[in-house]
PDB file of N, CA and C in Angstrom:
ATOM      1  N   MET A   1     -35.721   3.116 -26.439  1.00  0.00           N
ATOM      2  CA  MET A   1     -35.256   3.990 -27.506  1.00  0.00           C
ATOM      3  C   MET A   1     -34.821   5.329 -26.917  1.00  0.00           C
ATOM      4  N   LYS A   2     -33.840   5.893 -27.525  1.00  0.00           N
ATOM      5  CA  LYS A   2     -33.295   7.174 -27.085  1.00  0.00           C
ATOM      6  C   LYS A   2     -33.988   8.306 -27.855  1.00  0.00           C
ATOM      7  N   ILE A   3     -34.280   9.383 -27.153  1.00  0.00           N
ATOM      8  CA  ILE A   3     -34.949  10.548 -27.735  1.00  0.00           C
ATOM      9  C   ILE A   3     -33.902  11.626 -28.025  1.00  0.00           C
ATOM     10  N   PHE A   4     -33.964  12.178 -29.244  1.00  0.00           N
ATOM     11  CA  PHE A   4     -33.105  13.297 -29.638  1.00  0.00           C
ATOM     12  C   PHE A   4     -33.996  14.445 -30.101  1.00  0.00           C
ATOM     13  N   TRP A   5     -33.637  15.651 -29.732  1.00  0.00           N
ATOM     14  CA  TRP A   5     -34.399  16.839 -30.108  1.00  0.00           C
ATOM     15  C   TRP A   5     -33.634  17.618 -31.172  1.00  0.00           C
ATOM     16  N   SER A   6     -34.314  17.966 -32.248  1.00  0.00           N
ATOM     17  CA  SER A   6     -33.691  18.805 -33.273  1.00  0.00           C
ATOM     18  C   SER A   6     -33.584  20.236 -32.745  1.00  0.00           C
ATOM     19  N   PRO A   7     -32.658  21.015 -33.284  1.00  0.00           N
ATOM     20  CA  PRO A   7     -32.577  22.425 -32.887  1.00  0.00           C
ATOM     21  C   PRO A   7     -33.909  23.159 -33.135  1.00  0.00           C
ATOM     22  N   LEU A   8     -34.597  22.825 -34.217  1.00  0.00           N
ATOM     23  CA  LEU A   8     -35.887  23.457 -34.510  1.00  0.00           C
ATOM     24  C   LEU A   8     -36.915  23.138 -33.430  1.00  0.00           C
ATOM     25  N   ALA A   9     -36.977  21.889 -32.992  1.00  0.00           N
ATOM     26  CA  ALA A   9     -37.933  21.503 -31.952  1.00  0.00           C
ATOM     27  C   ALA A   9     -37.644  22.243 -30.645  1.00  0.00           C
ATOM     28  N   VAL A  10     -36.370  22.378 -30.304  1.00  0.00           N
ATOM     29  CA  VAL A  10     -35.985  23.109 -29.096  1.00  0.00           C
ATOM     30  C   VAL A  10     -36.388  24.575 -29.224  1.00  0.00           C
ATOM     31  N   GLU A  11     -36.148  25.142 -30.386  1.00  0.00           N
ATOM     32  CA  GLU A  11     -36.534  26.544 -30.625  1.00  0.00           C
ATOM     33  C   GLU A  11     -38.039  26.729 -30.505  1.00  0.00           C
ATOM     34  N   ARG A  12     -38.793  25.797 -31.076  1.00  0.00           N
ATOM     35  CA  ARG A  12     -40.254  25.889 -30.990  1.00  0.00           C
ATOM     36  C   ARG A  12     -40.742  25.776 -29.549  1.00  0.00           C
ATOM     37  N   LEU A  13     -40.117  24.901 -28.778  1.00  0.00           N
ATOM     38  CA  LEU A  13     -40.477  24.757 -27.374  1.00  0.00           C
ATOM     39  C   LEU A  13     -40.191  26.059 -26.616  1.00  0.00           C
ATOM     40  N   GLU A  14     -39.078  26.687 -26.904  1.00  0.00           N
ATOM     41  CA  GLU A  14     -38.755  27.971 -26.287  1.00  0.00           C
ATOM     42  C   GLU A  14     -39.767  29.039 -26.688  1.00  0.00           C
ATOM     43  N   ASN A  15     -40.165  29.045 -27.963  1.00  0.00           N
ATOM     44  CA  ASN A  15     -41.155  30.021 -28.435  1.00  0.00           C
ATOM     45  C   ASN A  15     -42.502  29.831 -27.749  1.00  0.00           C
ATOM     46  N   ILE A  16     -42.885  28.579 -27.564  1.00  0.00           N
ATOM     47  CA  ILE A  16     -44.144  28.284 -26.865  1.00  0.00           C
ATOM     48  C   ILE A  16     -44.073  28.830 -25.444  1.00  0.00           C
ATOM     49  N   PHE A  17     -42.957  28.575 -24.773  1.00  0.00           N
ATOM     50  CA  PHE A  17     -42.793  29.081 -23.415  1.00  0.00           C
ATOM     51  C   PHE A  17     -42.889  30.599 -23.382  1.00  0.00           C
ATOM     52  N   GLU A  18     -42.168  31.258 -24.277  1.00  0.00           N
ATOM     53  CA  GLU A  18     -42.175  32.722 -24.306  1.00  0.00           C
ATOM     54  C   GLU A  18     -43.580  33.276 -24.554  1.00  0.00           C
ATOM     55  N   TYR A  19     -44.296  32.674 -25.490  1.00  0.00           N
ATOM     56  CA  TYR A  19     -45.641  33.154 -25.832  1.00  0.00           C
ATOM     57  C   TYR A  19     -46.593  33.017 -24.646  1.00  0.00           C
ATOM     58  N   ILE A  20     -46.624  31.841 -24.033  1.00  0.00           N
ATOM     59  CA  ILE A  20     -47.555  31.610 -22.927  1.00  0.00           C
ATOM     60  C   ILE A  20     -47.145  32.406 -21.695  1.00  0.00           C
ATOM     61  N   SER A  21     -45.848  32.551 -21.478  1.00  0.00           N
ATOM     62  CA  SER A  21     -45.376  33.232 -20.268  1.00  0.00           C
ATOM     63  C   SER A  21     -45.695  34.728 -20.264  1.00  0.00           C
ATOM     64  N   LYS A  22     -46.047  35.284 -21.415  1.00  0.00           N
ATOM     65  CA  LYS A  22     -46.468  36.691 -21.440  1.00  0.00           C
ATOM     66  C   LYS A  22     -47.709  36.887 -20.580  1.00  0.00           C
ATOM     67  N   GLU A  23     -48.535  35.857 -20.520  1.00  0.00           N
ATOM     68  CA  GLU A  23     -49.767  35.920 -19.721  1.00  0.00           C
ATOM     69  C   GLU A  23     -49.617  35.219 -18.373  1.00  0.00           C
ATOM     70  N   ASN A  24     -48.874  34.083 -18.372  1.00  0.00           N
ATOM     71  CA  ASN A  24     -48.833  33.270 -17.162  1.00  0.00           C
ATOM     72  C   ASN A  24     -47.594  32.366 -17.191  1.00  0.00           C
ATOM     73  N   VAL A  25     -46.584  32.715 -16.413  1.00  0.00           N
ATOM     74  CA  VAL A  25     -45.330  31.958 -16.393  1.00  0.00           C
ATOM     75  C   VAL A  25     -45.556  30.538 -15.892  1.00  0.00           C
ATOM     76  N   SER A  26     -46.385  30.387 -14.895  1.00  0.00           N
ATOM     77  CA  SER A  26     -46.656  29.055 -14.348  1.00  0.00           C
ATOM     78  C   SER A  26     -47.301  28.152 -15.398  1.00  0.00           C
ATOM     79  N   ALA A  27     -48.257  28.682 -16.125  1.00  0.00           N
ATOM     80  CA  ALA A  27     -48.916  27.912 -17.190  1.00  0.00           C
ATOM     81  C   ALA A  27     -47.929  27.560 -18.294  1.00  0.00           C
ATOM     82  N   ALA A  28     -47.014  28.463 -18.592  1.00  0.00           N
ATOM     83  CA  ALA A  28     -46.001  28.211 -19.619  1.00  0.00           C
ATOM     84  C   ALA A  28     -45.096  27.058 -19.192  1.00  0.00           C
ATOM     85  N   LYS A  29     -44.670  27.062 -17.949  1.00  0.00           N
ATOM     86  CA  LYS A  29     -43.835  25.979 -17.436  1.00  0.00           C
ATOM     87  C   LYS A  29     -44.571  24.648 -17.501  1.00  0.00           C
ATOM     88  N   LYS A  30     -45.836  24.654 -17.123  1.00  0.00           N
ATOM     89  CA  LYS A  30     -46.636  23.421 -17.138  1.00  0.00           C
ATOM     90  C   LYS A  30     -46.789  22.886 -18.562  1.00  0.00           C
ATOM     91  N   MET A  31     -47.040  23.768 -19.518  1.00  0.00           N
ATOM     92  CA  MET A  31     -47.230  23.324 -20.900  1.00  0.00           C
ATOM     93  C   MET A  31     -45.941  22.738 -21.467  1.00  0.00           C
ATOM     94  N   VAL A  32     -44.831  23.405 -21.250  1.00  0.00           N
ATOM     95  CA  VAL A  32     -43.549  22.903 -21.736  1.00  0.00           C
ATOM     96  C   VAL A  32     -43.243  21.555 -21.086  1.00  0.00           C
ATOM     97  N   ASP A  33     -43.530  21.432 -19.802  1.00  0.00           N
ATOM     98  CA  ASP A  33     -43.302  20.171 -19.107  1.00  0.00           C
ATOM     99  C   ASP A  33     -44.175  19.053 -19.692  1.00  0.00           C
ATOM    100  N   LYS A  34     -45.422  19.357 -19.983  1.00  0.00           N
ATOM    101  CA  LYS A  34     -46.322  18.361 -20.581  1.00  0.00           C
ATOM    102  C   LYS A  34     -45.820  17.914 -21.954  1.00  0.00           C
ATOM    103  N   ILE A  35     -45.394  18.868 -22.751  1.00  0.00           N
ATOM    104  CA  ILE A  35     -44.876  18.542 -24.089  1.00  0.00           C
ATOM    105  C   ILE A  35     -43.624  17.676 -23.961  1.00  0.00           C
ATOM    106  N   PHE A  36     -42.746  18.059 -23.062  1.00  0.00           N
ATOM    107  CA  PHE A  36     -41.510  17.312 -22.873  1.00  0.00           C
ATOM    108  C   PHE A  36     -41.810  15.884 -22.414  1.00  0.00           C
ATOM    109  N   LYS A  37     -42.702  15.734 -21.448  1.00  0.00           N
ATOM    110  CA  LYS A  37     -43.048  14.403 -20.936  1.00  0.00           C
ATOM    111  C   LYS A  37     -43.704  13.541 -22.014  1.00  0.00           C
ATOM    112  N   LYS A  38     -44.574  14.144 -22.814  1.00  0.00           N
ATOM    113  CA  LYS A  38     -45.215  13.387 -23.899  1.00  0.00           C
ATOM    114  C   LYS A  38     -44.172  12.905 -24.887  1.00  0.00           C
ATOM    115  N   ALA A  39     -43.235  13.778 -25.242  1.00  0.00           N
ATOM    116  CA  ALA A  39     -42.176  13.391 -26.176  1.00  0.00           C
ATOM    117  C   ALA A  39     -41.307  12.290 -25.582  1.00  0.00           C
ATOM    118  N   GLU A  40     -40.941  12.415 -24.340  1.00  0.00           N
ATOM    119  CA  GLU A  40     -40.096  11.410 -23.697  1.00  0.00           C
ATOM    120  C   GLU A  40     -40.822  10.066 -23.564  1.00  0.00           C
ATOM    121  N   SER A  41     -42.129  10.091 -23.451  1.00  0.00           N
ATOM    122  CA  SER A  41     -42.893   8.842 -23.324  1.00  0.00           C
ATOM    123  C   SER A  41     -42.843   8.012 -24.606  1.00  0.00           C
ATOM    124  N   LEU A  42     -42.452   8.626 -25.701  1.00  0.00           N
ATOM    125  CA  LEU A  42     -42.359   7.897 -26.972  1.00  0.00           C
ATOM    126  C   LEU A  42     -41.273   6.827 -26.946  1.00  0.00           C
ATOM    127  N   SER A  43     -40.344   6.930 -26.014  1.00  0.00           N
ATOM    128  CA  SER A  43     -39.266   5.937 -25.952  1.00  0.00           C
ATOM    129  C   SER A  43     -39.815   4.535 -25.687  1.00  0.00           C
ATOM    130  N   LYS A  44     -40.953   4.434 -25.033  1.00  0.00           N
ATOM    131  CA  LYS A  44     -41.548   3.121 -24.749  1.00  0.00           C
ATOM    132  C   LYS A  44     -42.490   2.660 -25.857  1.00  0.00           C
ATOM    133  N   TYR A  45     -43.227   3.576 -26.444  1.00  0.00           N
ATOM    134  CA  TYR A  45     -44.219   3.229 -27.462  1.00  0.00           C
ATOM    135  C   TYR A  45     -44.110   4.174 -28.659  1.00  0.00           C
ATOM    136  N   PRO A  46     -43.039   4.088 -29.423  1.00  0.00           N
ATOM    137  CA  PRO A  46     -42.802   5.064 -30.496  1.00  0.00           C
ATOM    138  C   PRO A  46     -43.820   5.026 -31.637  1.00  0.00           C
ATOM    139  N   GLU A  47     -44.445   3.908 -31.879  1.00  0.00           N
ATOM    140  CA  GLU A  47     -45.371   3.817 -33.002  1.00  0.00           C
ATOM    141  C   GLU A  47     -46.808   4.144 -32.630  1.00  0.00           C
ATOM    142  N   ARG A  48     -47.039   4.625 -31.427  1.00  0.00           N
ATOM    143  CA  ARG A  48     -48.408   4.946 -31.027  1.00  0.00           C
ATOM    144  C   ARG A  48     -48.936   6.206 -31.710  1.00  0.00           C
ATOM    145  N   GLY A  49     -48.034   7.068 -32.147  1.00  0.00           N
ATOM    146  CA  GLY A  49     -48.462   8.278 -32.839  1.00  0.00           C
ATOM    147  C   GLY A  49     -48.983   7.955 -34.231  1.00  0.00           C
ATOM    148  N   ARG A  50     -49.825   8.828 -34.727  1.00  0.00           N
ATOM    149  CA  ARG A  50     -50.350   8.604 -36.079  1.00  0.00           C
ATOM    150  C   ARG A  50     -49.343   9.095 -37.115  1.00  0.00           C
ATOM    151  N   VAL A  51     -49.462   8.545 -38.307  1.00  0.00           N
ATOM    152  CA  VAL A  51     -48.637   9.005 -39.427  1.00  0.00           C
ATOM    153  C   VAL A  51     -49.059  10.433 -39.749  1.00  0.00           C
ATOM    154  N   VAL A  52     -48.096  11.305 -39.942  1.00  0.00           N
ATOM    155  CA  VAL A  52     -48.388  12.708 -40.256  1.00  0.00           C
ATOM    156  C   VAL A  52     -48.987  12.774 -41.663  1.00  0.00           C
ATOM    157  N   PRO A  53     -50.202  13.297 -41.801  1.00  0.00           N
ATOM    158  CA  PRO A  53     -50.860  13.312 -43.113  1.00  0.00           C
ATOM    159  C   PRO A  53     -50.068  14.022 -44.205  1.00  0.00           C
ATOM    160  N   GLU A  54     -49.401  15.118 -43.874  1.00  0.00           N
ATOM    161  CA  GLU A  54     -48.656  15.869 -44.880  1.00  0.00           C
ATOM    162  C   GLU A  54     -47.422  15.117 -45.371  1.00  0.00           C
ATOM    163  N   ALA A  55     -46.894  14.220 -44.548  1.00  0.00           N
ATOM    164  CA  ALA A  55     -45.657  13.524 -44.903  1.00  0.00           C
ATOM    165  C   ALA A  55     -45.924  12.215 -45.628  1.00  0.00           C
ATOM    166  N   SER A  56     -46.996  11.523 -45.261  1.00  0.00           N
ATOM    167  CA  SER A  56     -47.334  10.224 -45.856  1.00  0.00           C
ATOM    168  C   SER A  56     -46.166   9.244 -45.807  1.00  0.00           C
ATOM    169  N   ARG A  57     -45.477   9.233 -44.678  1.00  0.00           N
ATOM    170  CA  ARG A  57     -44.351   8.307 -44.461  1.00  0.00           C
ATOM    171  C   ARG A  57     -44.574   7.616 -43.124  1.00  0.00           C
ATOM    172  N   ASP A  58     -44.353   6.311 -43.085  1.00  0.00           N
ATOM    173  CA  ASP A  58     -44.558   5.560 -41.850  1.00  0.00           C
ATOM    174  C   ASP A  58     -43.608   5.954 -40.732  1.00  0.00           C
ATOM    175  N   ASP A  59     -42.448   6.501 -41.075  1.00  0.00           N
ATOM    176  CA  ASP A  59     -41.469   6.855 -40.048  1.00  0.00           C
ATOM    177  C   ASP A  59     -41.673   8.255 -39.471  1.00  0.00           C
ATOM    178  N   ILE A  60     -42.539   9.045 -40.069  1.00  0.00           N
ATOM    179  CA  ILE A  60     -42.833  10.398 -39.563  1.00  0.00           C
ATOM    180  C   ILE A  60     -44.206  10.353 -38.898  1.00  0.00           C
ATOM    181  N   ARG A  61     -44.219  10.561 -37.607  1.00  0.00           N
ATOM    182  CA  ARG A  61     -45.453  10.426 -36.825  1.00  0.00           C
ATOM    183  C   ARG A  61     -45.652  11.631 -35.921  1.00  0.00           C
ATOM    184  N   GLU A  62     -46.822  11.667 -35.295  1.00  0.00           N
ATOM    185  CA  GLU A  62     -47.110  12.761 -34.381  1.00  0.00           C
ATOM    186  C   GLU A  62     -47.995  12.303 -33.242  1.00  0.00           C
ATOM    187  N   VAL A  63     -47.805  12.952 -32.120  1.00  0.00           N
ATOM    188  CA  VAL A  63     -48.691  12.828 -30.977  1.00  0.00           C
ATOM    189  C   VAL A  63     -49.106  14.247 -30.610  1.00  0.00           C
ATOM    190  N   PHE A  64     -50.170  14.363 -29.870  1.00  0.00           N
ATOM    191  CA  PHE A  64     -50.693  15.676 -29.515  1.00  0.00           C
ATOM    192  C   PHE A  64     -50.612  15.905 -28.015  1.00  0.00           C
ATOM    193  N   GLU A  65     -50.328  17.139 -27.658  1.00  0.00           N
ATOM    194  CA  GLU A  65     -50.429  17.592 -26.280  1.00  0.00           C
ATOM    195  C   GLU A  65     -51.149  18.921 -26.310  1.00  0.00           C
ATOM    196  N   ASN A  66     -52.368  18.912 -25.794  1.00  0.00           N
ATOM    197  CA  ASN A  66     -53.263  20.062 -25.911  1.00  0.00           C
ATOM    198  C   ASN A  66     -53.359  20.457 -27.382  1.00  0.00           C
ATOM    199  N   GLU A  67     -53.040  21.700 -27.719  1.00  0.00           N
ATOM    200  CA  GLU A  67     -53.170  22.133 -29.111  1.00  0.00           C
ATOM    201  C   GLU A  67     -51.891  21.989 -29.923  1.00  0.00           C
ATOM    202  N   TYR A  68     -50.913  21.265 -29.384  1.00  0.00           N
ATOM    203  CA  TYR A  68     -49.628  21.137 -30.066  1.00  0.00           C
ATOM    204  C   TYR A  68     -49.397  19.747 -30.653  1.00  0.00           C
ATOM    205  N   ARG A  69     -48.842  19.748 -31.844  1.00  0.00           N
ATOM    206  CA  ARG A  69     -48.437  18.523 -32.534  1.00  0.00           C
ATOM    207  C   ARG A  69     -46.945  18.319 -32.259  1.00  0.00           C
ATOM    208  N   ILE A  70     -46.593  17.177 -31.724  1.00  0.00           N
ATOM    209  CA  ILE A  70     -45.196  16.822 -31.514  1.00  0.00           C
ATOM    210  C   ILE A  70     -44.860  15.864 -32.647  1.00  0.00           C
ATOM    211  N   ILE A  71     -44.078  16.334 -33.588  1.00  0.00           N
ATOM    212  CA  ILE A  71     -43.801  15.580 -34.812  1.00  0.00           C
ATOM    213  C   ILE A  71     -42.402  14.971 -34.701  1.00  0.00           C
ATOM    214  N   TYR A  72     -42.348  13.676 -34.960  1.00  0.00           N
ATOM    215  CA  TYR A  72     -41.089  12.960 -34.763  1.00  0.00           C
ATOM    216  C   TYR A  72     -40.841  11.927 -35.852  1.00  0.00           C
ATOM    217  N   ARG A  73     -39.589  11.506 -35.933  1.00  0.00           N
ATOM    218  CA  ARG A  73     -39.178  10.479 -36.896  1.00  0.00           C
ATOM    219  C   ARG A  73     -38.607   9.303 -36.120  1.00  0.00           C
ATOM    220  N   ILE A  74     -39.024   8.094 -36.514  1.00  0.00           N
ATOM    221  CA  ILE A  74     -38.515   6.878 -35.888  1.00  0.00           C
ATOM    222  C   ILE A  74     -37.396   6.313 -36.749  1.00  0.00           C
ATOM    223  N   GLU A  75     -36.274   6.060 -36.112  1.00  0.00           N
ATOM    224  CA  GLU A  75     -35.153   5.358 -36.748  1.00  0.00           C
ATOM    225  C   GLU A  75     -34.786   4.207 -35.829  1.00  0.00           C
ATOM    226  N   SER A  76     -34.223   3.171 -36.353  1.00  0.00           N
ATOM    227  CA  SER A  76     -33.930   1.922 -35.636  1.00  0.00           C
ATOM    228  C   SER A  76     -34.076   2.024 -34.113  1.00  0.00           C
ATOM    229  N   LEU A  77     -33.132   2.559 -33.415  1.00  0.00           N
ATOM    230  CA  LEU A  77     -33.220   2.657 -31.954  1.00  0.00           C
ATOM    231  C   LEU A  77     -33.264   4.104 -31.469  1.00  0.00           C
ATOM    232  N   LYS A  78     -33.678   5.001 -32.348  1.00  0.00           N
ATOM    233  CA  LYS A  78     -33.703   6.426 -32.025  1.00  0.00           C
ATOM    234  C   LYS A  78     -35.037   7.047 -32.421  1.00  0.00           C
ATOM    235  N   ILE A  79     -35.395   8.074 -31.687  1.00  0.00           N
ATOM    236  CA  ILE A  79     -36.546   8.900 -32.037  1.00  0.00           C
ATOM    237  C   ILE A  79     -36.055  10.336 -32.085  1.00  0.00           C
ATOM    238  N   PHE A  80     -36.308  10.998 -33.204  1.00  0.00           N
ATOM    239  CA  PHE A  80     -35.922  12.392 -33.369  1.00  0.00           C
ATOM    240  C   PHE A  80     -37.173  13.267 -33.310  1.00  0.00           C
ATOM    241  N   ILE A  81     -37.229  14.143 -32.320  1.00  0.00           N
ATOM    242  CA  ILE A  81     -38.310  15.118 -32.260  1.00  0.00           C
ATOM    243  C   ILE A  81     -37.948  16.181 -33.286  1.00  0.00           C
ATOM    244  N   LEU A  82     -38.721  16.255 -34.352  1.00  0.00           N
ATOM    245  CA  LEU A  82     -38.400  17.142 -35.468  1.00  0.00           C
ATOM    246  C   LEU A  82     -38.882  18.563 -35.241  1.00  0.00           C
ATOM    247  N   THR A  83     -40.131  18.683 -34.783  1.00  0.00           N
ATOM    248  CA  THR A  83     -40.699  20.009 -34.600  1.00  0.00           C
ATOM    249  C   THR A  83     -41.937  19.920 -33.718  1.00  0.00           C
ATOM    250  N   ILE A  84     -42.384  21.064 -33.269  1.00  0.00           N
ATOM    251  CA  ILE A  84     -43.632  21.176 -32.521  1.00  0.00           C
ATOM    252  C   ILE A  84     -44.422  22.286 -33.196  1.00  0.00           C
ATOM    253  N   ARG A  85     -45.658  21.990 -33.506  1.00  0.00           N
ATOM    254  CA  ARG A  85     -46.496  22.968 -34.210  1.00  0.00           C
ATOM    255  C   ARG A  85     -47.872  23.009 -33.574  1.00  0.00           C
ATOM    256  N   ASN A  86     -48.546  24.126 -33.747  1.00  0.00           N
ATOM    257  CA  ASN A  86     -49.948  24.213 -33.364  1.00  0.00           C
ATOM    258  C   ASN A  86     -50.732  23.262 -34.256  1.00  0.00           C
ATOM    259  N   PHE A  87     -51.767  22.655 -33.734  1.00  0.00           N
ATOM    260  CA  PHE A  87     -52.514  21.674 -34.521  1.00  0.00           C
ATOM    261  C   PHE A  87     -53.170  22.279 -35.763  1.00  0.00           C
ATOM    262  N   LYS A  88     -53.305  23.576 -35.813  1.00  0.00           N
ATOM    263  CA  LYS A  88     -53.897  24.237 -36.988  1.00  0.00           C
ATOM    264  C   LYS A  88     -52.884  24.460 -38.106  1.00  0.00           C
ATOM    265  N   GLN A  89     -51.587  24.308 -37.798  1.00  0.00           N
ATOM    266  CA  GLN A  89     -50.530  24.578 -38.780  1.00  0.00           C
ATOM    267  C   GLN A  89     -50.137  23.298 -39.502  1.00  0.00           C
ATOM    268  N   LEU A  90     -50.004  23.412 -40.822  1.00  0.00           N
ATOM    269  CA  LEU A  90     -49.517  22.282 -41.609  1.00  0.00           C
ATOM    270  C   LEU A  90     -48.007  22.182 -41.445  1.00  0.00           C
ATOM    271  N   LEU A  91     -47.521  20.977 -41.622  1.00  0.00           N
ATOM    272  CA  LEU A  91     -46.086  20.727 -41.541  1.00  0.00           C
ATOM    273  C   LEU A  91     -45.412  21.161 -42.833  1.00  0.00           C
ATOM    274  N   ALA A  92     -44.371  21.964 -42.711  1.00  0.00           N
ATOM    275  CA  ALA A  92     -43.599  22.368 -43.881  1.00  0.00           C
ATOM    276  C   ALA A  92     -42.630  21.253 -44.246  1.00  0.00           C
ATOM    277  N   GLU A  93     -42.430  21.034 -45.519  1.00  0.00           N
ATOM    278  CA  GLU A  93     -41.567  19.948 -45.987  1.00  0.00           C
ATOM    279  C   GLU A  93     -40.148  20.053 -45.441  1.00  0.00           C
ATOM    280  N   ASN A  94     -39.619  21.257 -45.307  1.00  0.00           N
ATOM    281  CA  ASN A  94     -38.239  21.419 -44.826  1.00  0.00           C
ATOM    282  C   ASN A  94     -38.081  21.073 -43.349  1.00  0.00           C
ATOM    283  N   GLU A  95     -39.180  20.802 -42.659  1.00  0.00           N
ATOM    284  CA  GLU A  95     -39.108  20.458 -41.236  1.00  0.00           C
ATOM    285  C   GLU A  95     -38.987  18.960 -41.014  1.00  0.00           C
ATOM    286  N   ILE A  96     -39.063  18.150 -42.055  1.00  0.00           N
ATOM    287  CA  ILE A  96     -38.961  16.699 -41.871  1.00  0.00           C
ATOM    288  C   ILE A  96     -37.662  16.135 -42.426  1.00  0.00           C
ATOM    289  N   ALA A  97     -36.773  16.984 -42.853  1.00  0.00           N
ATOM    290  CA  ALA A  97     -35.488  16.520 -43.413  1.00  0.00           C
ATOM    291  C   ALA A  97     -34.594  15.959 -42.342  1.00  0.00           C
TER     292      ALA A  97
END
């Protein structure tokens, strides 16, 4: 399956990098790399993530990397990374469109 990133997910990844890099650029690079690798690994096992509780839809799932939720949508032969959120943050409805 092919992985596609939404503009929002890319923006969130950039924000994560900026936030962490204020304290430690190396740690920021490592975290972004971990998130990216976890998202890319979904191409082999897209249904391994749990259904997002706020969405209650089988096609909207999430996997975790440290304290971040990688929220994605499965379509026939595609996976769309919709957003990345801290695990304490609920998913906003406008982020799953």
